[in-house]
Amino acid sequence: MYSVLMSVYKKESSGNLRESVQSMMEQTIPPDDFVLYCDGILTDELYLEIERLKQRFPVLNVIYNDVNSGLGKALSAGLYYCKHDIVARMDSDDIAKPERMALQLEAFNKYHADIVSGTIEEFSENTGNIISIKKVPEEDVDIKKYAKRRNPFNHPCVAFRKQQVYMAGNYQSCPYFEDYWLWLRMLARGCKGYNIQESILYMRSGSEMYKRRGGLAYTMDALRFRKREKKEGYCSYWDYIAACAAHIIFGIMPNRIRMFFYSKILRK
C-alpha cells in the first residue's frame, strides 16, 4: 500500500481541493492513508470542505497547523504522519488520472526505483484545454544527466520511498526548488529514478503560474539555488553557468513570451 501527502494553504479554492482529493481516492488502487497538512490558517470555505472530505473519505488524516511555514517545511512535517514507505505527492489543485498509482506502483517494483514520476498535461480552466505536455527522461542514467541543469522529475505526480527521503535529509527550505534540491541529494546518494512516459496527471496551469517563474525575486532565489548546487558538487562549472544564464534570460523576459517558451519550446 501507499500514503498520499498533500499540503494546502489559504489561497487554494475549496473546489480545486475537492477535485484533487477525489482524484486520488478514486484511483484504481486507492490509498489507505491520506495525509492533508494545513499550512497555516485557512479560509472558512476550506475548513468546511475539509470536514466534508473527512466524512466522505475516512482515511483522510488532517494535520492542522496555524503557522504558514512554506511548502518545504510543510511537506517535511507532513511526511512524518505518512504510514507507508511509498508516498505519493499530490498538489491541492491538480487532478490525478485513475491509473496513476497502478502505473507508479508497478514501476517501483519493475525498475527497483526510489523515485517515480511521469508525464503531466498542463491545463487551463478545465482538462479539455491542454496547454502543454511535460515529459522528463525515462531511464535513471538519463535522469542523472538531466538533473545537472533541469528538474528531472515532475513533482506534482512524484512518488518516493519515505526512508530514502529521510536518509537524504527530507524536504528542506529552498524557495521554489524544495523538490529539486531533494532529488539532487537523493540521486547523489545512489537512489534510482524512473519516469513513466505516459500522462498520469493533469496539472493546473495558466499565465499566473508562468508569472511566478519570472521577476527579480524568483531569479535571485534561482541563482542562490544554483550556487548551492554547484558548491555541493551536483553539477559542473559549465552546467552552473548554463543554468544561471537560462534563469536570468527567462526571469527578465515579458510573461507572455516566457509562457510561450515554457509551453511550446521547453515542453513537448
Protein backbone atom coordinates (compact mmCIF):
# COMPACT_ATOMS: atom_id res chain seq x y z
CA MET A 1 0.00 0.00 0.00
CA TYR A 2 0.97 3.66 -0.11
CA SER A 3 0.34 7.03 1.52
CA VAL A 4 -0.66 10.32 -0.12
CA LEU A 5 0.95 13.56 1.05
CA MET A 6 -0.75 16.88 0.28
CA SER A 7 -0.24 20.39 1.64
CA VAL A 8 -2.92 23.07 1.41
CA TYR A 9 -2.88 26.77 2.27
CA LYS A 10 -5.39 29.61 2.39
CA LYS A 11 -5.17 30.71 -1.25
CA GLU A 12 -6.48 27.38 -2.53
CA SER A 13 -10.11 27.11 -3.65
CA SER A 14 -12.39 24.57 -2.00
CA GLY A 15 -13.47 23.26 -5.41
CA ASN A 16 -9.91 22.58 -6.52
CA LEU A 17 -9.14 20.81 -3.24
CA ARG A 18 -12.22 18.61 -3.51
CA GLU A 19 -11.43 17.63 -7.10
CA SER A 20 -7.80 16.89 -6.26
CA VAL A 21 -8.51 14.71 -3.21
CA GLN A 22 -11.29 12.88 -5.05
CA SER A 23 -8.99 12.06 -7.98
CA MET A 24 -6.59 10.26 -5.61
CA MET A 25 -9.30 8.48 -3.65
CA GLU A 26 -10.79 7.17 -6.91
CA GLN A 27 -7.57 5.57 -8.15
CA THR A 28 -7.83 2.03 -9.48
CA ILE A 29 -5.60 1.24 -6.49
CA PRO A 30 -6.82 3.72 -3.85
CA PRO A 31 -4.73 4.76 -0.82
CA ASP A 32 -5.49 3.59 2.71
CA ASP A 33 -3.62 6.59 4.15
CA PHE A 34 -4.01 10.22 3.03
CA VAL A 35 -2.20 12.99 4.94
CA LEU A 36 -3.55 16.51 4.36
CA TYR A 37 -1.29 19.10 6.00
CA CYS A 38 -2.88 22.51 6.57
CA ASP A 39 -0.07 25.04 6.16
CA GLY A 40 -1.36 27.96 8.22
CA ILE A 41 -4.82 29.35 8.91
CA LEU A 42 -7.25 28.52 6.10
CA THR A 43 -10.49 30.10 4.91
CA ASP A 44 -13.89 29.10 6.31
CA GLU A 45 -14.73 27.58 2.93
CA LEU A 46 -11.67 25.36 3.02
CA TYR A 47 -12.32 24.22 6.59
CA LEU A 48 -15.89 23.35 5.64
CA GLU A 49 -14.74 21.42 2.57
CA ILE A 50 -12.15 19.53 4.60
CA GLU A 51 -14.84 18.41 7.07
CA ARG A 52 -16.95 17.16 4.19
CA LEU A 53 -13.99 15.28 2.75
CA LYS A 54 -13.22 13.70 6.12
CA GLN A 55 -16.77 12.36 6.33
CA ARG A 56 -16.65 11.09 2.78
CA PHE A 57 -13.14 9.58 2.99
CA PRO A 58 -12.36 8.24 6.49
CA VAL A 59 -8.71 7.53 5.56
CA LEU A 60 -8.11 11.30 5.33
CA ASN A 61 -5.79 12.33 8.17
CA VAL A 62 -5.87 16.12 8.51
CA ILE A 63 -2.99 17.82 10.32
CA TYR A 64 -3.85 21.36 11.39
CA ASN A 65 -1.07 23.93 11.79
CA ASP A 66 -1.79 27.61 12.43
CA VAL A 67 1.58 28.85 11.17
CA ASN A 68 2.28 29.11 7.44
CA SER A 69 5.78 27.68 7.04
CA GLY A 70 6.07 27.27 3.26
CA LEU A 71 5.93 24.18 1.07
CA GLY A 72 9.27 22.63 2.02
CA LYS A 73 8.68 22.72 5.76
CA ALA A 74 5.03 21.70 5.36
CA LEU A 75 5.95 18.59 3.36
CA SER A 76 8.77 17.76 5.75
CA ALA A 77 6.37 17.93 8.70
CA GLY A 78 3.56 16.10 6.89
CA LEU A 79 5.81 13.24 5.82
CA TYR A 80 6.20 12.25 9.48
CA TYR A 81 2.50 11.25 9.58
CA CYS A 82 2.61 9.04 6.46
CA LYS A 83 2.21 5.37 7.43
CA HIS A 84 3.77 3.69 4.40
CA ASP A 85 7.22 3.70 2.85
CA ILE A 86 5.88 4.58 -0.60
CA VAL A 87 4.47 8.11 -0.52
CA ALA A 88 2.68 9.80 -3.43
CA ARG A 89 2.85 13.58 -3.60
CA MET A 90 -0.25 15.43 -4.71
CA ASP A 91 -0.88 19.16 -5.03
CA SER A 92 -4.19 20.57 -3.85
CA ASP A 93 -5.20 21.89 -7.28
CA ASP A 94 -4.15 19.09 -9.65
CA ILE A 95 -6.09 16.07 -10.92
CA ALA A 96 -4.58 12.58 -10.97
CA LYS A 97 -5.60 10.19 -13.71
CA PRO A 98 -7.26 6.97 -12.45
CA GLU A 99 -4.35 4.69 -13.40
CA ARG A 100 -1.65 6.93 -11.93
CA MET A 101 -0.84 4.88 -8.85
CA ALA A 102 -1.21 1.50 -10.52
CA LEU A 103 1.46 2.54 -13.03
CA GLN A 104 3.73 4.02 -10.37
CA LEU A 105 3.50 1.05 -8.02
CA GLU A 106 4.33 -1.23 -10.94
CA ALA A 107 7.37 0.94 -11.78
CA PHE A 108 8.68 0.80 -8.21
CA ASN A 109 8.79 -2.99 -8.40
CA LYS A 110 9.81 -3.44 -12.03
CA TYR A 111 12.68 -0.93 -12.02
CA HIS A 112 13.64 -1.14 -8.33
CA ALA A 113 13.15 2.61 -8.18
CA ASP A 114 13.26 5.01 -5.24
CA ILE A 115 11.65 7.97 -7.06
CA VAL A 116 8.97 7.62 -9.74
CA SER A 117 7.15 10.35 -11.62
CA GLY A 118 5.67 10.60 -15.09
CA THR A 119 4.37 12.82 -17.85
CA ILE A 120 1.94 15.59 -16.93
CA GLU A 121 -0.57 17.55 -19.01
CA GLU A 122 -0.83 21.23 -18.10
CA PHE A 123 -4.33 22.65 -18.47
CA SER A 124 -6.17 25.96 -18.07
CA GLU A 125 -9.72 26.14 -16.65
CA ASN A 126 -10.61 22.54 -17.49
CA THR A 127 -8.86 19.34 -18.59
CA GLY A 128 -10.26 19.73 -22.10
CA ASN A 129 -7.99 22.73 -22.59
CA ILE A 130 -4.48 21.27 -22.57
CA ILE A 131 -1.77 23.95 -22.84
CA SER A 132 1.28 21.70 -22.95
CA ILE A 133 2.65 18.27 -22.12
CA LYS A 134 5.71 17.99 -19.91
CA LYS A 135 7.89 14.91 -20.26
CA VAL A 136 11.08 14.09 -18.37
CA PRO A 137 13.75 11.43 -19.12
CA GLU A 138 12.71 7.83 -18.56
CA GLU A 139 15.84 5.93 -17.51
CA ASP A 140 17.97 6.50 -14.42
CA VAL A 141 21.18 7.25 -16.34
CA ASP A 142 19.44 9.95 -18.39
CA ILE A 143 17.66 11.31 -15.31
CA LYS A 144 21.01 11.87 -13.55
CA LYS A 145 22.44 13.73 -16.58
CA TYR A 146 19.32 15.86 -16.98
CA ALA A 147 19.34 16.76 -13.26
CA LYS A 148 22.53 18.80 -13.64
CA ARG A 149 20.59 21.57 -15.41
CA ARG A 150 16.86 20.89 -15.05
CA ASN A 151 14.49 19.27 -12.57
CA PRO A 152 14.42 15.57 -13.57
CA PHE A 153 11.04 14.73 -12.02
CA ASN A 154 7.57 16.22 -12.28
CA HIS A 155 6.89 16.99 -8.62
CA PRO A 156 3.07 17.17 -8.96
CA CYS A 157 2.98 13.44 -9.75
CA VAL A 158 6.07 12.16 -7.96
CA ALA A 159 6.10 9.19 -5.57
CA PHE A 160 9.08 8.14 -3.49
CA ARG A 161 10.35 5.85 -0.76
CA LYS A 162 9.97 7.63 2.55
CA GLN A 163 13.03 6.00 4.09
CA GLN A 164 15.25 7.20 1.26
CA VAL A 165 13.88 10.74 1.61
CA TYR A 166 14.73 10.71 5.32
CA MET A 167 18.23 9.40 4.63
CA ALA A 168 18.80 12.29 2.21
CA GLY A 169 17.69 14.86 4.79
CA ASN A 170 13.98 15.23 3.91
CA TYR A 171 12.47 18.30 2.26
CA GLN A 172 14.40 21.44 3.24
CA SER A 173 13.78 25.16 2.93
CA CYS A 174 14.82 26.14 -0.60
CA PRO A 175 12.27 28.59 -2.09
CA TYR A 176 10.76 27.36 -5.38
CA PHE A 177 13.25 24.46 -5.54
CA GLU A 178 12.41 22.32 -2.49
CA ASP A 179 11.75 19.23 -4.57
CA TYR A 180 14.66 19.69 -7.00
CA TRP A 181 17.07 20.09 -4.08
CA LEU A 182 15.76 16.89 -2.53
CA TRP A 183 16.11 14.91 -5.78
CA LEU A 184 19.72 16.05 -6.22
CA ARG A 185 20.62 14.82 -2.75
CA MET A 186 18.80 11.52 -3.24
CA LEU A 187 20.36 10.83 -6.64
CA ALA A 188 23.82 11.67 -5.28
CA ARG A 189 23.30 9.02 -2.62
CA GLY A 190 22.65 6.40 -5.28
CA CYS A 191 18.85 6.44 -5.31
CA LYS A 192 17.36 5.23 -8.58
CA GLY A 193 14.79 7.19 -10.55
CA TYR A 194 12.25 6.29 -13.23
CA ASN A 195 9.77 8.40 -15.20
CA ILE A 196 6.66 6.88 -16.77
CA GLN A 197 6.42 8.04 -20.38
CA GLU A 198 2.67 8.48 -20.43
CA SER A 199 0.48 11.14 -18.86
CA ILE A 200 -0.59 10.30 -15.31
CA LEU A 201 -1.77 13.71 -14.07
CA TYR A 202 -3.46 16.94 -15.12
CA MET A 203 -1.64 20.00 -13.72
CA ARG A 204 -3.48 23.28 -13.34
CA SER A 205 -1.56 25.95 -15.24
CA GLY A 206 -2.03 29.35 -16.91
CA SER A 207 -0.40 32.77 -17.08
CA GLU A 208 -0.20 33.23 -13.29
CA MET A 209 1.94 30.12 -12.90
CA TYR A 210 4.42 31.34 -15.51
CA LYS A 211 4.40 34.81 -13.99
CA ARG A 212 5.70 33.33 -10.74
CA ARG A 213 8.72 31.99 -12.65
CA GLY A 214 9.91 35.47 -13.55
CA GLY A 215 10.89 38.70 -11.86
CA LEU A 216 13.81 39.69 -9.68
CA ALA A 217 12.81 37.77 -6.52
CA TYR A 218 12.38 34.44 -8.31
CA THR A 219 15.55 34.92 -10.33
CA MET A 220 17.63 35.66 -7.22
CA ASP A 221 16.22 32.56 -5.49
CA ALA A 222 17.07 30.52 -8.59
CA LEU A 223 20.65 31.81 -8.69
CA ARG A 224 21.11 31.07 -4.98
CA PHE A 225 19.87 27.53 -5.58
CA ARG A 226 22.27 27.04 -8.49
CA LYS A 227 25.17 28.32 -6.39
CA ARG A 228 24.23 25.81 -3.70
CA GLU A 229 24.03 23.03 -6.29
CA LYS A 230 27.50 23.89 -7.65
CA LYS A 231 29.02 24.18 -4.16
CA GLU A 232 27.84 20.66 -3.25
CA GLY A 233 29.29 19.23 -6.44
CA TYR A 234 25.99 18.23 -8.05
CA CYS A 235 26.85 19.92 -11.35
CA SER A 236 29.88 21.08 -13.33
CA TYR A 237 31.02 24.66 -13.77
CA TRP A 238 29.53 24.78 -17.27
CA ASP A 239 26.25 23.27 -16.10
CA TYR A 240 26.15 26.01 -13.48
CA ILE A 241 26.84 28.79 -15.99
CA ALA A 242 24.27 27.48 -18.47
CA ALA A 243 21.55 27.11 -15.82
CA CYS A 244 22.21 30.58 -14.36
CA ALA A 245 22.12 32.16 -17.82
CA ALA A 246 18.77 30.50 -18.56
CA HIS A 247 17.29 31.73 -15.26
CA ILE A 248 18.41 35.31 -15.95
CA ILE A 249 17.08 35.31 -19.51
CA PHE A 250 13.71 33.79 -18.57
CA GLY A 251 13.49 35.98 -15.48
CA ILE A 252 13.67 39.28 -17.35
CA MET A 253 11.55 38.47 -20.43
CA PRO A 254 7.86 39.51 -20.58
CA ASN A 255 5.45 36.96 -19.15
CA ARG A 256 3.66 36.23 -22.44
CA ILE A 257 6.99 35.36 -24.08
CA ARG A 258 8.03 33.30 -21.05
CA MET A 259 4.75 31.42 -21.22
CA PHE A 260 5.32 30.70 -24.93
CA PHE A 261 8.84 29.34 -24.33
CA TYR A 262 7.79 27.16 -21.39
CA SER A 263 4.65 25.76 -23.02
CA LYS A 264 5.86 25.45 -26.64
CA ILE A 265 9.66 25.14 -26.54
CA LEU A 266 10.60 23.62 -23.16
CA ARG A 267 7.63 21.26 -23.22
CA LYS A 268 6.73 18.60 -25.73
